[in-house]
Amino acid sequence: MTHDCSTPDFIVNCTVNVQDMCQTEVLVKDDGTHYRKSCASSGACLIASSGYQQFCTGKLNSVCITCCNTPLCNGPRQKKPKSCAAAVTLGALWLHASVLLSSVLC
């Protein structure tokens, strides 16, 4: 079964002051690219990320681990706005949403 891990059903609120980063694993396998997204402590995520750096080739059996620490930072990339006015509005909304969130969402 294939899941769209960017849907609201899969967004989790990480534990404040414990799991302060979003971790994304990208695995390239015979049957396609697999994504694993989770919360992690900054230390654990950064160690895993640096430890797997040599295996992050983008080729078959590749494993890449990345870390980020802003709300929904490991979600899908936002589409570019069609106008400057839209960009200002979206930027203001994102800033407002970021201020409201005291913990990291992954």
N, C-alpha and C. Protein backbone atom coordinates (compact mmCIF):
# COMPACT_ATOMS: atom_id res chain seq x y z
N MET A 1 0.84 -1.18 0.00
CA MET A 1 0.00 0.00 0.00
C MET A 1 0.89 1.24 0.00
N THR A 2 0.51 2.22 -0.76
CA THR A 2 1.27 3.47 -0.84
C THR A 2 0.54 4.56 -0.07
N HIS A 3 1.25 5.27 0.76
CA HIS A 3 0.68 6.37 1.54
C HIS A 3 1.32 7.67 1.11
N ASP A 4 0.53 8.74 1.11
CA ASP A 4 1.08 10.08 0.88
C ASP A 4 1.44 10.63 2.25
N CYS A 5 2.72 10.58 2.60
CA CYS A 5 3.13 10.94 3.96
C CYS A 5 3.06 12.44 4.22
N SER A 6 2.60 13.22 3.25
CA SER A 6 2.46 14.66 3.48
C SER A 6 1.02 15.05 3.83
N THR A 7 0.11 14.08 3.91
CA THR A 7 -1.27 14.39 4.26
C THR A 7 -1.37 14.64 5.76
N PRO A 8 -2.40 15.37 6.19
CA PRO A 8 -2.55 15.67 7.63
C PRO A 8 -2.60 14.43 8.51
N ASP A 9 -3.05 13.29 7.98
CA ASP A 9 -3.11 12.06 8.78
C ASP A 9 -1.74 11.63 9.28
N PHE A 10 -0.69 12.03 8.58
CA PHE A 10 0.66 11.58 8.92
C PHE A 10 1.50 12.65 9.61
N ILE A 11 0.93 13.81 9.88
CA ILE A 11 1.67 14.87 10.57
C ILE A 11 1.63 14.58 12.07
N VAL A 12 2.77 14.62 12.71
CA VAL A 12 2.83 14.37 14.15
C VAL A 12 3.46 15.56 14.86
N ASN A 13 3.08 15.74 16.10
CA ASN A 13 3.62 16.79 16.94
C ASN A 13 4.72 16.16 17.79
N CYS A 14 5.94 16.58 17.59
CA CYS A 14 7.08 16.00 18.31
C CYS A 14 7.08 16.43 19.77
N THR A 15 7.69 15.62 20.62
CA THR A 15 7.76 15.91 22.04
C THR A 15 8.66 17.12 22.29
N VAL A 16 8.10 18.13 22.95
CA VAL A 16 8.84 19.37 23.22
C VAL A 16 10.07 19.08 24.08
N ASN A 17 11.18 19.69 23.72
CA ASN A 17 12.46 19.60 24.43
C ASN A 17 13.07 18.20 24.44
N VAL A 18 12.50 17.26 23.72
CA VAL A 18 13.07 15.92 23.63
C VAL A 18 13.34 15.59 22.16
N GLN A 19 12.27 15.57 21.39
CA GLN A 19 12.39 15.31 19.95
C GLN A 19 12.25 16.66 19.25
N ASP A 20 13.36 17.35 19.14
CA ASP A 20 13.32 18.73 18.65
C ASP A 20 13.67 18.87 17.17
N MET A 21 13.74 17.75 16.46
CA MET A 21 14.04 17.81 15.02
C MET A 21 13.15 16.84 14.26
N CYS A 22 12.97 17.15 12.98
CA CYS A 22 12.30 16.24 12.06
C CYS A 22 13.40 15.50 11.30
N GLN A 23 13.27 14.19 11.21
CA GLN A 23 14.26 13.38 10.50
C GLN A 23 13.59 12.76 9.29
N THR A 24 14.24 12.82 8.16
CA THR A 24 13.74 12.21 6.94
C THR A 24 14.78 11.23 6.42
N GLU A 25 14.34 10.00 6.18
CA GLU A 25 15.20 8.99 5.57
C GLU A 25 14.67 8.72 4.17
N VAL A 26 15.55 8.71 3.21
CA VAL A 26 15.19 8.40 1.83
C VAL A 26 15.99 7.17 1.43
N LEU A 27 15.28 6.08 1.13
CA LEU A 27 15.92 4.83 0.76
C LEU A 27 15.57 4.51 -0.69
N VAL A 28 16.58 4.23 -1.51
CA VAL A 28 16.34 3.86 -2.91
C VAL A 28 16.48 2.35 -3.00
N LYS A 29 15.36 1.69 -3.33
CA LYS A 29 15.33 0.23 -3.41
C LYS A 29 14.90 -0.22 -4.80
N ASP A 30 14.94 -1.53 -5.02
CA ASP A 30 14.53 -2.10 -6.30
C ASP A 30 13.12 -1.68 -6.70
N ASP A 31 12.23 -1.60 -5.72
CA ASP A 31 10.82 -1.30 -6.02
C ASP A 31 10.49 0.18 -5.94
N GLY A 32 11.48 1.04 -5.84
CA GLY A 32 11.24 2.48 -5.84
C GLY A 32 11.90 3.19 -4.67
N THR A 33 11.56 4.45 -4.53
CA THR A 33 12.10 5.28 -3.45
C THR A 33 11.14 5.25 -2.27
N HIS A 34 11.67 4.99 -1.09
CA HIS A 34 10.88 4.92 0.13
C HIS A 34 11.27 6.07 1.04
N TYR A 35 10.26 6.64 1.73
CA TYR A 35 10.49 7.76 2.63
C TYR A 35 10.04 7.37 4.03
N ARG A 36 10.85 7.72 5.01
CA ARG A 36 10.49 7.53 6.41
C ARG A 36 10.67 8.88 7.09
N LYS A 37 9.61 9.39 7.67
CA LYS A 37 9.67 10.68 8.35
C LYS A 37 9.33 10.48 9.81
N SER A 38 10.10 11.11 10.70
CA SER A 38 9.87 10.92 12.12
C SER A 38 10.44 12.09 12.92
N CYS A 39 10.14 12.08 14.20
CA CYS A 39 10.72 13.04 15.14
C CYS A 39 11.99 12.41 15.71
N ALA A 40 12.95 13.25 16.08
CA ALA A 40 14.20 12.75 16.66
C ALA A 40 14.83 13.85 17.51
N SER A 41 15.69 13.44 18.42
CA SER A 41 16.46 14.44 19.16
C SER A 41 17.51 14.99 18.20
N SER A 42 17.94 16.21 18.43
CA SER A 42 18.90 16.82 17.51
C SER A 42 20.20 16.02 17.46
N GLY A 43 20.67 15.55 18.59
CA GLY A 43 21.91 14.78 18.62
C GLY A 43 21.81 13.50 17.81
N ALA A 44 20.74 12.74 18.03
CA ALA A 44 20.56 11.47 17.32
C ALA A 44 20.41 11.70 15.82
N CYS A 45 19.66 12.71 15.44
CA CYS A 45 19.43 12.97 14.02
C CYS A 45 20.73 13.40 13.33
N LEU A 46 21.47 14.29 13.95
CA LEU A 46 22.71 14.77 13.33
C LEU A 46 23.76 13.67 13.24
N ILE A 47 23.81 12.80 14.24
CA ILE A 47 24.75 11.68 14.19
C ILE A 47 24.36 10.72 13.07
N ALA A 48 23.07 10.40 12.98
CA ALA A 48 22.60 9.50 11.91
C ALA A 48 22.86 10.11 10.54
N SER A 49 22.58 11.39 10.42
CA SER A 49 22.77 12.09 9.15
C SER A 49 24.23 12.03 8.70
N SER A 50 25.14 12.33 9.61
CA SER A 50 26.56 12.32 9.23
C SER A 50 27.06 10.90 9.02
N GLY A 51 26.52 9.94 9.76
CA GLY A 51 26.95 8.55 9.62
C GLY A 51 26.56 7.93 8.29
N TYR A 52 25.44 8.38 7.73
CA TYR A 52 24.96 7.81 6.47
C TYR A 52 25.36 8.64 5.25
N GLN A 53 26.10 9.71 5.46
CA GLN A 53 26.46 10.61 4.36
C GLN A 53 27.16 9.88 3.22
N GLN A 54 28.03 8.94 3.56
CA GLN A 54 28.76 8.20 2.53
C GLN A 54 27.86 7.28 1.71
N PHE A 55 26.67 6.94 2.25
CA PHE A 55 25.74 6.05 1.55
C PHE A 55 24.68 6.83 0.77
N CYS A 56 24.75 8.14 0.80
CA CYS A 56 23.76 9.00 0.16
C CYS A 56 24.21 9.32 -1.27
N THR A 57 24.05 8.34 -2.15
CA THR A 57 24.52 8.51 -3.53
C THR A 57 23.38 8.77 -4.51
N GLY A 58 22.14 8.47 -4.09
CA GLY A 58 21.00 8.61 -4.98
C GLY A 58 20.83 7.42 -5.90
N LYS A 59 21.72 6.46 -5.79
CA LYS A 59 21.66 5.25 -6.62
C LYS A 59 20.97 4.13 -5.85
N LEU A 60 20.80 2.97 -6.48
CA LEU A 60 20.18 1.82 -5.86
C LEU A 60 20.85 1.48 -4.53
N ASN A 61 20.06 1.21 -3.52
CA ASN A 61 20.49 0.91 -2.14
C ASN A 61 21.07 2.13 -1.42
N SER A 62 20.81 3.30 -1.94
CA SER A 62 21.24 4.55 -1.30
C SER A 62 20.37 4.82 -0.07
N VAL A 63 20.98 5.38 0.97
CA VAL A 63 20.26 5.81 2.17
C VAL A 63 20.70 7.23 2.49
N CYS A 64 19.74 8.15 2.52
CA CYS A 64 20.04 9.54 2.88
C CYS A 64 19.21 9.92 4.09
N ILE A 65 19.83 10.55 5.06
CA ILE A 65 19.12 11.02 6.25
C ILE A 65 19.37 12.52 6.38
N THR A 66 18.29 13.27 6.52
CA THR A 66 18.39 14.72 6.71
C THR A 66 17.62 15.13 7.95
N CYS A 67 18.00 16.26 8.51
CA CYS A 67 17.38 16.79 9.72
C CYS A 67 16.98 18.24 9.50
N CYS A 68 15.89 18.65 10.12
CA CYS A 68 15.48 20.06 10.07
C CYS A 68 14.66 20.36 11.32
N ASN A 69 14.49 21.63 11.65
CA ASN A 69 13.84 21.94 12.92
C ASN A 69 12.84 23.09 12.87
N THR A 70 12.18 23.26 11.75
CA THR A 70 11.10 24.23 11.69
C THR A 70 9.80 23.49 11.40
N PRO A 71 8.65 24.04 11.76
CA PRO A 71 7.39 23.32 11.58
C PRO A 71 7.18 22.85 10.14
N LEU A 72 6.88 21.57 10.01
CA LEU A 72 6.59 20.92 8.72
C LEU A 72 7.74 21.01 7.72
N CYS A 73 8.96 21.14 8.22
CA CYS A 73 10.11 21.32 7.33
C CYS A 73 10.42 20.09 6.48
N ASN A 74 9.95 18.93 6.89
CA ASN A 74 10.21 17.74 6.06
C ASN A 74 8.98 17.33 5.27
N GLY A 75 8.09 18.29 5.07
CA GLY A 75 6.90 18.04 4.25
C GLY A 75 7.20 18.33 2.80
N PRO A 76 6.16 18.33 1.98
CA PRO A 76 6.37 18.61 0.56
C PRO A 76 6.77 20.06 0.34
N ARG A 77 7.49 20.32 -0.72
CA ARG A 77 7.85 21.70 -1.05
C ARG A 77 6.61 22.46 -1.46
N GLN A 78 6.54 23.68 -1.00
CA GLN A 78 5.39 24.52 -1.34
C GLN A 78 5.49 24.96 -2.79
N LYS A 79 4.34 25.04 -3.46
CA LYS A 79 4.32 25.55 -4.82
C LYS A 79 4.63 27.03 -4.79
N LYS A 80 5.30 27.50 -5.83
CA LYS A 80 5.63 28.92 -5.90
C LYS A 80 4.36 29.72 -6.14
N PRO A 81 4.19 30.82 -5.41
CA PRO A 81 3.01 31.66 -5.62
C PRO A 81 3.02 32.28 -7.01
N LYS A 82 1.82 32.59 -7.50
CA LYS A 82 1.69 33.14 -8.84
C LYS A 82 1.99 34.63 -8.91
N SER A 83 1.91 35.33 -7.78
CA SER A 83 2.17 36.77 -7.81
C SER A 83 2.89 37.19 -6.55
N CYS A 84 3.42 38.41 -6.57
CA CYS A 84 4.10 38.94 -5.39
C CYS A 84 3.13 39.10 -4.23
N ALA A 85 1.91 39.51 -4.51
CA ALA A 85 0.92 39.68 -3.44
C ALA A 85 0.65 38.35 -2.76
N ALA A 86 0.57 37.30 -3.55
CA ALA A 86 0.35 35.97 -2.98
C ALA A 86 1.55 35.56 -2.14
N ALA A 87 2.75 35.91 -2.59
CA ALA A 87 3.95 35.56 -1.84
C ALA A 87 3.97 36.25 -0.49
N VAL A 88 3.59 37.52 -0.46
CA VAL A 88 3.55 38.26 0.80
C VAL A 88 2.51 37.66 1.72
N THR A 89 1.33 37.34 1.19
CA THR A 89 0.26 36.76 2.00
C THR A 89 0.68 35.41 2.55
N LEU A 90 1.23 34.54 1.68
CA LEU A 90 1.66 33.22 2.14
C LEU A 90 2.78 33.33 3.16
N GLY A 91 3.72 34.25 2.92
CA GLY A 91 4.81 34.44 3.87
C GLY A 91 4.30 34.89 5.22
N ALA A 92 3.35 35.81 5.24
CA ALA A 92 2.78 36.30 6.49
C ALA A 92 2.03 35.19 7.20
N LEU A 93 1.27 34.38 6.45
CA LEU A 93 0.54 33.27 7.06
C LEU A 93 1.50 32.25 7.63
N TRP A 94 2.58 31.94 6.90
CA TRP A 94 3.55 30.96 7.37
C TRP A 94 4.23 31.47 8.64
N LEU A 95 4.60 32.74 8.66
CA LEU A 95 5.22 33.32 9.84
C LEU A 95 4.27 33.26 11.02
N HIS A 96 3.01 33.61 10.79
CA HIS A 96 2.01 33.57 11.85
C HIS A 96 1.85 32.14 12.38
N ALA A 97 1.77 31.17 11.47
CA ALA A 97 1.61 29.78 11.87
C ALA A 97 2.84 29.30 12.63
N SER A 98 4.01 29.72 12.20
CA SER A 98 5.24 29.30 12.87
C SER A 98 5.33 29.85 14.28
N VAL A 99 4.87 31.07 14.48
CA VAL A 99 4.90 31.69 15.80
C VAL A 99 3.94 30.97 16.74
N LEU A 100 2.80 30.53 16.21
CA LEU A 100 1.80 29.86 17.03
C LEU A 100 2.25 28.48 17.48
N LEU A 101 3.13 27.86 16.72
CA LEU A 101 3.56 26.51 17.04
C LEU A 101 4.79 26.56 17.93
N SER A 102 4.65 26.08 19.15
CA SER A 102 5.79 26.13 20.06
C SER A 102 6.65 24.89 19.95
N SER A 103 6.13 23.83 19.35
CA SER A 103 6.92 22.62 19.19
C SER A 103 7.06 22.31 17.71
N VAL A 104 7.92 21.38 17.40
CA VAL A 104 8.19 21.04 16.01
C VAL A 104 7.15 20.05 15.52
N LEU A 105 6.62 20.30 14.33
CA LEU A 105 5.71 19.37 13.67
C LEU A 105 6.47 18.70 12.55
N CYS A 106 6.34 17.41 12.44
CA CYS A 106 7.02 16.67 11.37
C CYS A 106 6.00 15.92 10.54
